[in-house]
Amino acid sequence: MAVVNRKIASQQEIAYALRNLTDADLRRLERIARFRIIGLNDLDWQDLLHDAVARLLDGTRRWPKDIPLVVFLRETMRSIVSEHWRRKKNTPVLSEAQLHRIDDTERHILENAPDTTTNPERQMLASETLAKIEKVFQGDPEAMRVILGMAVGKSPNEIQKEAQMSSKRYATTQRRIRRKLAREFADRRVTK
């Protein structure tokens, strides 16, 4: 097996590359970060992106120059999210009896607890699926706005208002999304 001798970017090259990220690159990194944090209530997309850049700048992560910077940052964010999921998995679980009521409305903390049914395999599949969805809708910013809105739990009315869409345009966009996803993920359909 041949050993690949990769050239690692210097601090000056890193600074230059970061300064020269295009608006499209920055929007793509934002979308990637927003997708990656789905299900992680304790991590914000901006924090995730900043952490990835900080690791690049402080030398924790070394950037091989033969890999595009956006791809490198995407993979760094994937790694950071994986660390968060591992920590969540190893966090001790309290029984309901050990939890206190959180306010005067008599709701339990469990009612607001995040879903803990994900495992590393499901998380990896979800990450791959999100990457494929992003690629499929790469040239369709309207569909991406709808998908991102849905991913963070926004209502159709909220999405329409933020995207300045009519209800008819929203419905058309949803149909386009469904058709494209049905084509791309035809191999995952369940038949009865």
Protein backbone atom coordinates (compact mmCIF):
# COMPACT_ATOMS: atom_id res chain seq x y z
CA MET A 1 0.00 0.00 0.00
CA ALA A 2 1.43 3.38 -1.01
CA VAL A 3 1.70 6.13 1.58
CA VAL A 4 0.16 9.39 0.41
CA ASN A 5 2.23 12.41 1.32
CA ARG A 6 -0.35 15.18 1.52
CA LYS A 7 0.56 18.84 1.59
CA ILE A 8 -0.95 20.57 4.61
CA ALA A 9 -2.07 24.19 4.29
CA SER A 10 -0.09 26.81 6.19
CA GLN A 11 -1.73 29.36 8.48
CA GLN A 12 -1.35 31.99 5.73
CA GLU A 13 -3.01 29.71 3.18
CA ILE A 14 -5.83 28.96 5.61
CA ALA A 15 -6.42 32.65 6.33
CA TYR A 16 -6.38 33.43 2.60
CA ALA A 17 -8.83 30.61 1.80
CA LEU A 18 -11.21 31.63 4.59
CA ARG A 19 -11.18 35.27 3.45
CA ASN A 20 -11.94 34.16 -0.10
CA LEU A 21 -14.95 31.96 0.61
CA THR A 22 -17.75 33.09 -1.69
CA ASP A 23 -21.27 33.95 -0.57
CA ALA A 24 -22.38 30.66 -2.13
CA ASP A 25 -19.73 28.80 -0.08
CA LEU A 26 -20.91 30.49 3.11
CA ARG A 27 -24.56 29.69 2.37
CA ARG A 28 -23.62 26.07 1.67
CA LEU A 29 -21.69 25.86 4.96
CA GLU A 30 -24.68 27.32 6.79
CA ARG A 31 -27.02 24.73 5.23
CA ILE A 32 -24.62 21.94 6.11
CA ALA A 33 -24.33 23.16 9.70
CA ARG A 34 -28.12 23.51 10.03
CA PHE A 35 -28.60 19.94 8.78
CA ARG A 36 -25.89 18.54 11.02
CA ILE A 37 -27.40 19.92 14.25
CA ILE A 38 -30.83 18.40 13.71
CA GLY A 39 -31.65 16.55 16.92
CA LEU A 40 -28.93 18.28 18.96
CA ASN A 41 -30.68 20.77 21.18
CA ASP A 42 -27.46 21.85 22.88
CA LEU A 43 -25.66 22.92 19.69
CA ASP A 44 -26.40 25.90 17.46
CA TRP A 45 -25.49 25.86 13.75
CA GLN A 46 -23.35 28.99 14.12
CA ASP A 47 -21.45 27.46 17.04
CA LEU A 48 -20.87 24.32 15.00
CA LEU A 49 -19.49 26.25 12.04
CA HIS A 50 -17.36 28.50 14.27
CA ASP A 51 -15.99 25.46 16.11
CA ALA A 52 -14.99 23.87 12.80
CA VAL A 53 -13.20 27.06 11.71
CA ALA A 54 -11.57 27.43 15.14
CA ARG A 55 -10.20 23.88 14.95
CA LEU A 56 -8.76 24.68 11.55
CA LEU A 57 -7.19 27.91 12.77
CA ASP A 58 -5.73 26.53 16.00
CA GLY A 59 -4.24 23.51 14.24
CA THR A 60 -6.46 20.91 15.92
CA ARG A 61 -7.58 19.92 12.42
CA ARG A 62 -5.04 20.04 9.60
CA TRP A 63 -6.30 20.89 6.13
CA PRO A 64 -4.79 18.88 3.25
CA LYS A 65 -4.57 21.29 0.33
CA ASP A 66 -5.88 18.72 -2.16
CA ILE A 67 -9.31 18.83 -0.46
CA PRO A 68 -11.59 21.83 -1.11
CA LEU A 69 -12.01 23.97 2.01
CA VAL A 70 -15.81 23.65 2.05
CA VAL A 71 -15.53 19.84 1.94
CA PHE A 72 -12.91 19.91 4.71
CA LEU A 73 -15.12 22.11 6.91
CA ARG A 74 -18.12 19.88 6.16
CA GLU A 75 -16.23 16.83 7.37
CA THR A 76 -14.92 18.71 10.41
CA MET A 77 -18.51 19.62 11.34
CA ARG A 78 -19.53 15.97 10.86
CA SER A 79 -16.78 14.96 13.25
CA ILE A 80 -17.80 17.57 15.84
CA VAL A 81 -21.43 16.43 15.69
CA SER A 82 -20.32 12.81 16.10
CA GLU A 83 -18.44 13.85 19.25
CA HIS A 84 -21.61 15.49 20.59
CA TRP A 85 -23.65 12.35 19.88
CA ARG A 86 -21.04 10.18 21.63
CA ARG A 87 -21.11 12.44 24.68
CA LYS A 88 -24.90 12.37 24.72
CA LYS A 89 -24.85 8.59 24.49
CA ASN A 90 -22.45 8.33 27.45
CA THR A 91 -24.38 10.79 29.63
CA PRO A 92 -26.04 9.05 32.59
CA VAL A 93 -29.81 8.72 32.36
CA LEU A 94 -32.03 9.76 35.24
CA SER A 95 -35.29 8.03 35.99
CA GLU A 96 -38.47 10.07 35.96
CA ALA A 97 -38.71 9.71 39.72
CA GLN A 98 -35.36 11.53 40.03
CA LEU A 99 -36.58 14.50 37.99
CA HIS A 100 -38.35 17.50 39.44
CA ARG A 101 -41.24 19.38 37.93
CA ILE A 102 -39.97 22.23 35.78
CA ASP A 103 -42.66 24.83 36.40
CA ASP A 104 -46.01 25.53 37.96
CA THR A 105 -47.95 23.95 35.09
CA GLU A 106 -47.06 20.49 36.44
CA ARG A 107 -45.21 19.44 33.28
CA HIS A 108 -42.37 16.97 33.68
CA ILE A 109 -38.92 17.48 32.27
CA LEU A 110 -39.45 14.27 30.31
CA GLU A 111 -42.15 15.95 28.25
CA ASN A 112 -39.50 18.33 26.93
CA ALA A 113 -36.66 15.82 26.67
CA PRO A 114 -35.03 15.23 23.27
CA ASP A 115 -35.50 11.96 21.44
CA THR A 116 -32.76 9.55 22.54
CA THR A 117 -33.67 6.70 20.20
CA THR A 118 -30.97 7.57 17.68
CA ASN A 119 -27.84 5.48 17.51
CA PRO A 120 -24.57 5.98 15.58
CA GLU A 121 -25.71 3.87 12.63
CA ARG A 122 -28.98 5.77 12.30
CA GLN A 123 -27.11 9.05 12.73
CA MET A 124 -24.66 8.09 9.96
CA LEU A 125 -27.51 7.10 7.64
CA ALA A 126 -29.29 10.36 8.43
CA SER A 127 -26.11 12.36 7.72
CA GLU A 128 -25.63 10.60 4.38
CA THR A 129 -29.28 11.17 3.52
CA LEU A 130 -29.03 14.86 4.39
CA ALA A 131 -25.92 15.22 2.24
CA LYS A 132 -27.74 13.58 -0.68
CA ILE A 133 -30.79 15.82 -0.18
CA GLU A 134 -28.54 18.87 -0.15
CA LYS A 135 -26.92 17.75 -3.40
CA VAL A 136 -30.29 17.05 -5.06
CA PHE A 137 -31.63 20.52 -4.20
CA GLN A 138 -28.34 22.37 -4.62
CA GLY A 139 -29.66 24.45 -7.54
CA ASP A 140 -33.10 25.02 -6.02
CA PRO A 141 -32.87 27.64 -3.25
CA GLU A 142 -36.65 27.82 -2.91
CA ALA A 143 -36.87 24.10 -2.16
CA MET A 144 -33.94 24.37 0.25
CA ARG A 145 -35.73 27.14 2.18
CA VAL A 146 -38.79 24.91 2.52
CA ILE A 147 -36.71 21.87 3.53
CA LEU A 148 -34.67 23.85 6.09
CA GLY A 149 -37.85 25.34 7.53
CA MET A 150 -39.40 21.91 7.86
CA ALA A 151 -36.18 20.50 9.33
CA VAL A 152 -36.24 22.98 12.20
CA GLY A 153 -39.94 22.43 12.84
CA LYS A 154 -41.41 25.58 11.34
CA SER A 155 -45.04 25.60 10.30
CA PRO A 156 -46.00 26.01 6.64
CA ASN A 157 -47.23 29.54 7.42
CA GLU A 158 -43.89 30.47 9.00
CA ILE A 159 -41.96 29.07 6.05
CA GLN A 160 -44.18 30.88 3.54
CA LYS A 161 -43.82 34.17 5.41
CA GLU A 162 -40.02 33.90 5.73
CA ALA A 163 -39.58 32.78 2.12
CA GLN A 164 -42.16 35.32 0.87
CA MET A 165 -44.14 32.56 -0.87
CA SER A 166 -47.80 32.32 -1.61
CA SER A 167 -49.59 29.20 -0.40
CA LYS A 168 -49.88 28.09 -4.05
CA ARG A 169 -46.12 28.53 -4.60
CA TYR A 170 -45.42 26.66 -1.34
CA ALA A 171 -47.64 23.74 -2.43
CA THR A 172 -45.92 23.66 -5.85
CA THR A 173 -42.51 23.63 -4.18
CA GLN A 174 -43.58 20.81 -1.85
CA ARG A 175 -44.73 18.71 -4.84
CA ARG A 176 -41.41 19.35 -6.59
CA ILE A 177 -39.57 18.28 -3.43
CA ARG A 178 -41.64 15.10 -3.11
CA ARG A 179 -41.12 14.17 -6.79
CA LYS A 180 -37.36 14.70 -6.62
CA LEU A 181 -37.04 12.78 -3.35
CA ALA A 182 -39.16 9.93 -4.71
CA ARG A 183 -36.82 9.64 -7.72
CA GLU A 184 -33.62 9.91 -5.68
CA PHE A 185 -34.70 7.51 -2.93
CA ALA A 186 -36.69 5.03 -5.03
CA ASP A 187 -34.49 2.21 -3.72
CA ARG A 188 -35.68 2.91 -0.16
CA ARG A 189 -39.39 2.65 -0.83
CA VAL A 190 -41.27 0.06 1.13
CA THR A 191 -43.63 -2.04 -0.94
CA LYS A 192 -46.47 -4.03 0.50
